[in-house]
N, C-alpha and C. Protein backbone atom coordinates (compact mmCIF):
# COMPACT_ATOMS: atom_id res chain seq x y z
N MET A 1 -164.47 14.97 -167.43
CA MET A 1 -163.36 15.68 -166.50
C MET A 1 -163.98 17.10 -166.17
N GLY A 2 -163.68 17.01 -164.93
CA GLY A 2 -164.28 18.83 -163.99
C GLY A 2 -163.57 19.62 -164.46
N LYS A 3 -164.13 20.62 -164.47
CA LYS A 3 -163.35 22.01 -164.52
C LYS A 3 -162.38 22.64 -163.74
N ILE A 4 -161.38 22.98 -163.92
CA ILE A 4 -160.14 23.33 -163.32
C ILE A 4 -160.16 24.98 -163.02
N GLU A 5 -159.76 25.23 -161.75
CA GLU A 5 -160.25 26.99 -161.62
C GLU A 5 -158.76 27.23 -161.62
N LEU A 6 -157.85 27.51 -162.34
CA LEU A 6 -156.56 27.90 -162.46
C LEU A 6 -156.32 29.43 -161.96
N GLY A 7 -157.26 30.13 -161.99
CA GLY A 7 -157.11 31.59 -161.34
C GLY A 7 -157.09 31.01 -160.02
N GLN A 8 -157.66 30.58 -159.22
CA GLN A 8 -157.85 30.33 -157.66
C GLN A 8 -156.33 29.92 -157.33
N ARG A 9 -156.05 28.46 -158.23
CA ARG A 9 -154.89 27.89 -158.20
C ARG A 9 -153.71 28.79 -158.04
N LEU A 10 -154.07 29.50 -158.91
CA LEU A 10 -152.70 30.73 -159.31
C LEU A 10 -152.47 31.52 -157.85
N SER A 11 -153.42 32.09 -157.42
CA SER A 11 -153.64 32.66 -155.94
C SER A 11 -153.43 31.96 -154.99
N ASP A 12 -153.37 30.92 -154.93
CA ASP A 12 -153.42 29.93 -153.55
C ASP A 12 -151.68 29.90 -153.94
N VAL A 13 -151.11 29.76 -154.99
CA VAL A 13 -149.65 29.20 -155.20
C VAL A 13 -148.86 30.81 -154.88
N ARG A 14 -149.79 31.63 -155.41
CA ARG A 14 -148.93 33.07 -154.76
C ARG A 14 -148.56 33.50 -153.53
N ALA A 15 -149.95 33.26 -152.65
CA ALA A 15 -150.29 33.53 -151.43
C ALA A 15 -149.55 32.43 -150.36
N ARG A 16 -148.74 30.96 -150.78
CA ARG A 16 -148.09 30.33 -150.44
C ARG A 16 -146.83 30.64 -150.36
N MET A 17 -146.51 31.22 -151.68
CA MET A 17 -144.89 31.60 -151.99
C MET A 17 -144.75 33.10 -151.15
N GLN A 18 -145.64 33.87 -151.17
CA GLN A 18 -145.49 34.98 -150.10
C GLN A 18 -145.44 34.97 -148.81
N THR A 19 -145.84 33.69 -147.95
CA THR A 19 -145.71 33.07 -146.75
C THR A 19 -144.64 32.46 -146.65
N GLU A 20 -143.63 31.97 -147.52
CA GLU A 20 -142.47 31.21 -147.41
C GLU A 20 -141.44 32.72 -147.30
N LEU A 21 -141.48 33.65 -148.10
CA LEU A 21 -140.55 34.89 -147.80
C LEU A 21 -140.48 35.41 -146.59
N PRO A 22 -139.09 35.74 -146.24
CA PRO A 22 -138.85 36.69 -145.12
C PRO A 22 -140.02 37.91 -144.84
N VAL A 23 -140.17 38.17 -143.60
CA VAL A 23 -141.27 39.42 -143.71
C VAL A 23 -141.00 40.35 -144.43
N GLU A 24 -139.56 40.77 -144.31
CA GLU A 24 -139.25 42.28 -145.05
C GLU A 24 -139.07 42.17 -146.62
N GLU A 25 -139.19 40.78 -146.94
CA GLU A 25 -139.69 40.94 -148.30
C GLU A 25 -141.05 40.30 -149.05
N ARG A 26 -141.72 40.10 -148.17
CA ARG A 26 -143.34 39.91 -148.71
C ARG A 26 -143.67 41.38 -149.14
N GLY A 27 -144.61 41.12 -150.18
CA GLY A 27 -145.27 42.16 -150.83
C GLY A 27 -144.56 43.02 -151.60
N LEU A 28 -143.21 42.76 -151.83
CA LEU A 28 -141.92 43.27 -152.94
C LEU A 28 -142.04 42.76 -154.36
N ALA A 29 -142.13 43.79 -155.41
CA ALA A 29 -142.00 43.27 -156.57
C ALA A 29 -140.53 41.96 -156.53
N LYS A 30 -140.33 41.11 -157.63
CA LYS A 30 -138.97 40.33 -157.51
C LYS A 30 -138.01 41.30 -157.45
N PHE A 31 -137.78 42.12 -158.23
CA PHE A 31 -136.56 42.90 -158.52
C PHE A 31 -136.01 43.60 -157.22
N ALA A 32 -137.29 44.35 -156.68
CA ALA A 32 -136.66 44.69 -155.44
C ALA A 32 -136.24 44.10 -154.43
N ARG A 33 -136.49 42.59 -154.41
CA ARG A 33 -135.68 41.43 -153.55
C ARG A 33 -134.24 41.36 -153.71
N LEU A 34 -133.88 41.83 -155.05
CA LEU A 34 -132.52 41.29 -155.62
C LEU A 34 -131.62 42.18 -155.37
N VAL A 35 -130.32 42.12 -155.24
CA VAL A 35 -129.19 42.97 -154.72
C VAL A 35 -128.55 43.20 -156.41
N ARG A 36 -128.33 44.83 -156.23
CA ARG A 36 -128.13 45.68 -157.60
C ARG A 36 -126.48 44.77 -157.43
N LYS A 37 -125.94 45.05 -158.85
CA LYS A 37 -124.42 44.68 -159.27
C LYS A 37 -124.24 45.03 -160.84
N ASP A 38 -123.16 45.45 -161.15
CA ASP A 38 -123.13 45.98 -162.18
C ASP A 38 -121.78 44.97 -162.99
N ALA A 39 -122.18 45.07 -164.55
CA ALA A 39 -121.12 44.56 -164.82
C ALA A 39 -120.70 44.84 -166.11
N ARG A 40 -119.74 44.46 -166.65
CA ARG A 40 -118.80 45.44 -167.91
C ARG A 40 -118.92 44.15 -168.88
N LEU A 41 -119.68 44.33 -169.91
CA LEU A 41 -119.68 43.48 -171.01
C LEU A 41 -119.13 43.94 -172.21
N ARG A 42 -118.43 42.86 -173.14
CA ARG A 42 -118.04 42.98 -174.33
C ARG A 42 -119.51 43.41 -175.42
N ALA A 43 -118.86 43.99 -176.16
CA ALA A 43 -120.56 44.59 -177.12
C ALA A 43 -120.74 43.46 -178.02
N ASP A 44 -120.25 42.17 -178.23
CA ASP A 44 -120.56 41.31 -178.90
C ASP A 44 -121.33 40.47 -178.04
N GLN A 45 -120.91 40.32 -176.23
CA GLN A 45 -121.83 39.64 -175.31
C GLN A 45 -123.29 40.37 -175.16
N ASP A 46 -123.53 41.63 -175.24
CA ASP A 46 -124.31 42.29 -175.42
C ASP A 46 -125.28 42.20 -176.26
N ALA A 47 -125.04 42.09 -177.69
CA ALA A 47 -125.94 42.08 -178.71
C ALA A 47 -126.21 40.55 -178.65
N ALA A 48 -125.52 39.40 -178.36
CA ALA A 48 -125.92 37.89 -178.58
C ALA A 48 -127.03 37.90 -176.75
N LEU A 49 -126.82 38.52 -175.96
CA LEU A 49 -127.96 38.34 -174.54
C LEU A 49 -129.05 38.98 -174.89
N SER A 50 -128.86 40.43 -175.58
CA SER A 50 -130.00 40.87 -176.42
C SER A 50 -130.66 39.98 -177.24
N THR A 51 -130.17 39.41 -178.01
CA THR A 51 -131.12 38.54 -179.09
C THR A 51 -131.66 37.29 -178.39
N LEU A 52 -130.65 36.66 -177.62
CA LEU A 52 -131.33 35.58 -176.59
C LEU A 52 -132.52 35.33 -175.81
N THR A 53 -132.33 37.04 -175.27
CA THR A 53 -133.56 37.32 -174.42
C THR A 53 -135.14 37.13 -175.17
N LYS A 54 -135.02 37.93 -176.51
CA LYS A 54 -136.03 38.01 -177.07
C LYS A 54 -136.43 36.94 -177.76
N THR A 55 -135.79 35.84 -178.22
CA THR A 55 -135.98 34.52 -178.71
C THR A 55 -136.47 33.86 -177.66
N VAL A 56 -135.86 33.50 -176.35
CA VAL A 56 -136.35 32.85 -175.17
C VAL A 56 -137.95 33.81 -174.84
N MET A 57 -138.20 34.47 -174.75
CA MET A 57 -139.41 35.60 -174.69
C MET A 57 -140.72 34.76 -175.58
N ARG A 58 -139.90 35.04 -176.88
CA ARG A 58 -140.79 34.32 -177.87
C ARG A 58 -141.12 32.56 -177.74
N ARG A 59 -140.30 31.94 -177.37
CA ARG A 59 -140.52 30.82 -177.59
C ARG A 59 -141.22 30.16 -175.97
N ARG A 60 -141.25 31.08 -174.70
CA ARG A 60 -141.81 30.73 -173.67
C ARG A 60 -143.34 30.22 -173.81
N ARG A 61 -144.02 29.13 -173.12
CA ARG A 61 -145.21 28.87 -173.10
C ARG A 61 -146.21 29.44 -172.13
N VAL A 62 -145.76 29.68 -171.05
CA VAL A 62 -146.45 30.00 -170.01
C VAL A 62 -145.71 31.54 -169.62
N LYS A 63 -146.59 32.84 -169.96
CA LYS A 63 -145.96 33.96 -170.01
C LYS A 63 -146.39 34.43 -168.30
N THR A 64 -146.10 34.13 -167.31
CA THR A 64 -146.26 34.63 -166.27
C THR A 64 -145.14 35.09 -165.99
N GLU A 65 -143.88 34.96 -165.99
CA GLU A 65 -143.03 35.66 -165.67
C GLU A 65 -141.93 36.45 -167.05
N ARG A 66 -141.68 37.61 -166.60
CA ARG A 66 -140.92 38.40 -167.92
C ARG A 66 -139.59 37.92 -167.86
N ILE A 67 -138.96 37.51 -169.00
CA ILE A 67 -137.39 37.27 -168.97
C ILE A 67 -136.79 38.72 -169.25
N THR A 68 -135.85 38.60 -168.93
CA THR A 68 -134.80 39.81 -169.14
C THR A 68 -133.71 39.87 -169.25
N GLU A 69 -132.76 40.45 -169.90
CA GLU A 69 -131.57 40.15 -170.05
C GLU A 69 -130.94 39.62 -168.73
N ASN A 70 -131.29 40.51 -167.38
CA ASN A 70 -130.77 40.32 -165.76
C ASN A 70 -131.07 39.04 -165.78
N THR A 71 -132.12 38.41 -165.81
CA THR A 71 -132.64 37.05 -165.81
C THR A 71 -131.87 35.82 -166.10
N LEU A 72 -131.53 36.33 -167.49
CA LEU A 72 -130.59 35.23 -168.38
C LEU A 72 -129.08 35.46 -167.66
N ILE A 73 -128.51 36.50 -166.88
CA ILE A 73 -127.37 36.66 -166.62
C ILE A 73 -127.48 36.01 -165.21
N ARG A 74 -128.67 36.09 -164.30
CA ARG A 74 -128.53 35.39 -163.03
C ARG A 74 -128.65 33.95 -163.22
N VAL A 75 -129.09 33.19 -164.39
CA VAL A 75 -129.18 31.86 -164.68
C VAL A 75 -127.93 31.51 -165.04
N ALA A 76 -126.69 32.40 -165.64
CA ALA A 76 -125.63 31.85 -166.41
C ALA A 76 -124.87 32.19 -164.58
N ILE A 77 -124.96 32.72 -163.76
CA ILE A 77 -124.43 32.78 -162.45
C ILE A 77 -124.64 31.70 -161.87
N ASP A 78 -125.93 31.25 -161.77
CA ASP A 78 -126.46 30.03 -161.08
C ASP A 78 -125.29 28.71 -161.32
N LEU A 79 -125.67 28.57 -162.91
CA LEU A 79 -124.67 27.49 -163.68
C LEU A 79 -123.07 27.87 -163.25
N LEU A 80 -123.06 29.00 -163.38
CA LEU A 80 -121.35 28.97 -162.72
C LEU A 80 -121.57 28.40 -161.73
N LEU A 81 -121.96 28.99 -160.75
CA LEU A 81 -121.85 28.56 -159.42
C LEU A 81 -121.94 27.05 -158.97
N ALA A 82 -122.76 26.56 -159.92
CA ALA A 82 -123.08 25.10 -159.94
C ALA A 82 -121.76 24.23 -159.89
N HIS A 83 -121.17 25.06 -161.16
CA HIS A 83 -119.76 24.25 -161.66
C HIS A 83 -118.74 24.69 -161.06
N ALA A 84 -118.67 25.47 -160.10
CA ALA A 84 -117.60 25.76 -159.45
C ALA A 84 -116.54 25.23 -159.41
N ASP A 85 -116.21 24.08 -159.22
CA ASP A 85 -115.46 23.16 -158.66
C ASP A 85 -114.59 22.43 -159.75
N THR A 86 -115.07 23.01 -161.02
CA THR A 86 -114.09 22.87 -162.25
C THR A 86 -113.41 24.26 -162.42
N LEU A 87 -113.56 25.54 -161.89
CA LEU A 87 -113.10 26.61 -162.34
C LEU A 87 -111.90 26.52 -162.52
N ARG A 88 -111.25 26.67 -162.69
CA ARG A 88 -109.37 26.72 -163.23
C ARG A 88 -109.03 27.78 -163.74
N GLY A 89 -107.80 28.36 -163.67
CA GLY A 89 -107.27 29.31 -164.57
C GLY A 89 -106.80 30.61 -163.85
N SER A 90 -105.79 31.16 -164.73
CA SER A 90 -105.53 32.69 -164.46
C SER A 90 -106.16 33.72 -165.34
N THR A 91 -106.75 33.32 -166.15
CA THR A 91 -107.06 34.59 -167.43
C THR A 91 -108.75 34.39 -167.37
N GLU A 92 -109.33 35.23 -168.04
CA GLU A 92 -110.78 34.98 -168.49
C GLU A 92 -111.09 33.64 -169.60
N ASP A 93 -110.15 34.12 -170.45
CA ASP A 93 -110.30 32.32 -171.13
C ASP A 93 -110.20 31.73 -170.61
N GLU A 94 -108.94 31.19 -169.63
CA GLU A 94 -108.63 29.74 -169.32
C GLU A 94 -109.72 29.78 -168.06
N LEU A 95 -110.62 30.61 -167.32
CA LEU A 95 -111.78 30.24 -166.75
C LEU A 95 -112.89 30.10 -167.29
N ARG A 96 -113.08 30.58 -168.27
CA ARG A 96 -114.17 30.15 -169.29
C ARG A 96 -114.01 29.06 -169.89
N ARG A 97 -112.86 28.61 -170.23
CA ARG A 97 -112.49 27.15 -171.10
C ARG A 97 -112.76 25.81 -169.99
N SER A 98 -112.18 26.41 -168.89
CA SER A 98 -112.55 25.36 -167.73
C SER A 98 -113.96 24.78 -167.08
N VAL A 99 -114.54 25.89 -167.29
CA VAL A 99 -116.03 25.77 -166.93
C VAL A 99 -116.91 24.80 -168.23
N ILE A 100 -116.54 25.63 -169.27
CA ILE A 100 -117.31 25.14 -170.58
C ILE A 100 -116.92 23.92 -171.14
N THR A 101 -115.53 23.56 -170.99
CA THR A 101 -115.22 22.03 -171.17
C THR A 101 -115.87 20.95 -170.42
N ALA A 102 -116.31 21.52 -169.24
CA ALA A 102 -116.45 20.34 -168.07
C ALA A 102 -118.20 20.17 -168.26
N LEU A 103 -118.88 21.02 -168.96
CA LEU A 103 -120.32 20.92 -169.18
C LEU A 103 -120.54 20.02 -170.46
N PRO A 104 -121.48 19.12 -170.44
CA PRO A 104 -121.68 18.03 -171.31
C PRO A 104 -122.50 18.81 -172.17
N ASN A 105 -122.04 18.37 -173.28
CA ASN A 105 -122.87 19.15 -174.84
C ASN A 105 -122.62 20.58 -174.81
N SER A 106 -121.61 21.11 -174.31
CA SER A 106 -121.40 22.40 -174.73
C SER A 106 -120.94 22.63 -175.63
N ARG A 107 -121.40 23.81 -176.40
CA ARG A 107 -120.70 24.33 -177.65
C ARG A 107 -119.71 25.10 -177.35
N ARG A 108 -118.52 25.06 -177.98
CA ARG A 108 -117.13 25.60 -177.70
C ARG A 108 -117.55 27.08 -178.29
N TRP A 109 -118.06 27.97 -177.77
CA TRP A 109 -118.56 29.55 -177.86
C TRP A 109 -116.98 30.19 -177.71
N ARG A 110 -116.56 30.98 -178.56
CA ARG A 110 -115.69 31.76 -178.59
C ARG A 110 -115.65 33.26 -178.68
N PRO A 111 -115.20 34.21 -178.07
CA PRO A 111 -116.13 35.54 -178.06
C PRO A 111 -114.94 35.89 -179.23
N ALA A 112 -115.62 37.26 -179.90
CA ALA A 112 -114.94 37.77 -180.96
C ALA A 112 -113.41 38.69 -180.44
N ARG A 113 -112.48 38.22 -180.97
CA ARG A 113 -111.19 38.77 -180.90
C ARG A 113 -111.09 39.93 -181.09
N TRP A 114 -111.51 40.49 -182.05
CA TRP A 114 -111.38 42.19 -182.33
C TRP A 114 -112.15 42.70 -181.62
N CYS A 115 -113.23 42.78 -180.99
CA CYS A 115 -114.27 43.36 -180.00
C CYS A 115 -113.46 43.46 -178.39
N THR A 116 -113.37 45.04 -178.56
CA THR A 116 -112.55 45.66 -177.21
C THR A 116 -113.80 46.63 -176.54
N ASP A 117 -114.59 46.73 -177.41
CA ASP A 117 -116.07 47.74 -176.92
C ASP A 117 -116.71 46.91 -175.41
N ARG A 118 -116.94 48.09 -174.97
CA ARG A 118 -117.33 47.49 -173.48
C ARG A 118 -118.80 47.96 -173.54
N VAL A 119 -119.62 47.16 -172.56
CA VAL A 119 -120.71 48.14 -172.10
C VAL A 119 -121.14 47.47 -170.52
N THR A 120 -121.53 48.60 -169.95
CA THR A 120 -122.28 48.18 -168.72
C THR A 120 -123.55 47.81 -168.46
N VAL A 121 -124.03 47.06 -167.99
CA VAL A 121 -125.35 46.59 -167.75
C VAL A 121 -125.71 46.52 -166.21
N SER A 122 -126.75 46.82 -166.02
CA SER A 122 -127.23 46.59 -164.36
C SER A 122 -128.06 45.18 -164.21
N LEU A 123 -127.38 44.27 -163.15
CA LEU A 123 -127.98 42.86 -163.05
C LEU A 123 -129.06 43.13 -162.12
N ARG A 124 -130.46 43.96 -162.25
CA ARG A 124 -131.42 43.90 -161.79
C ARG A 124 -132.51 44.19 -162.35
N THR A 125 -133.77 43.58 -162.18
CA THR A 125 -134.86 42.98 -162.97
C THR A 125 -135.18 41.52 -163.31
């Protein structure tokens, strides 16, 4: 089996990705291409998100991209948008339930009822 030059292949892929970006975004770091959005989280969400981020960072095999809390928030938003047609309800609990029950193999995660603390996070990075 021949030797594979992964370094060159990676450079080729990065160069191709840069040419596919709009001119104004070329050469910018990923976080600089994203729109800033703030959200308020409950303390239990903040703690669980932090723990999950650390777990995902440790489990990953390819370590080319840093996984941050904002990365996971963007993934969650993509998941919500992919199932937007199932979104029904007038309250946060009803909206959450409508989406979660539509997902196959979903765990029934429930927020802590006693938790009223709020945390502000930036959805950038």
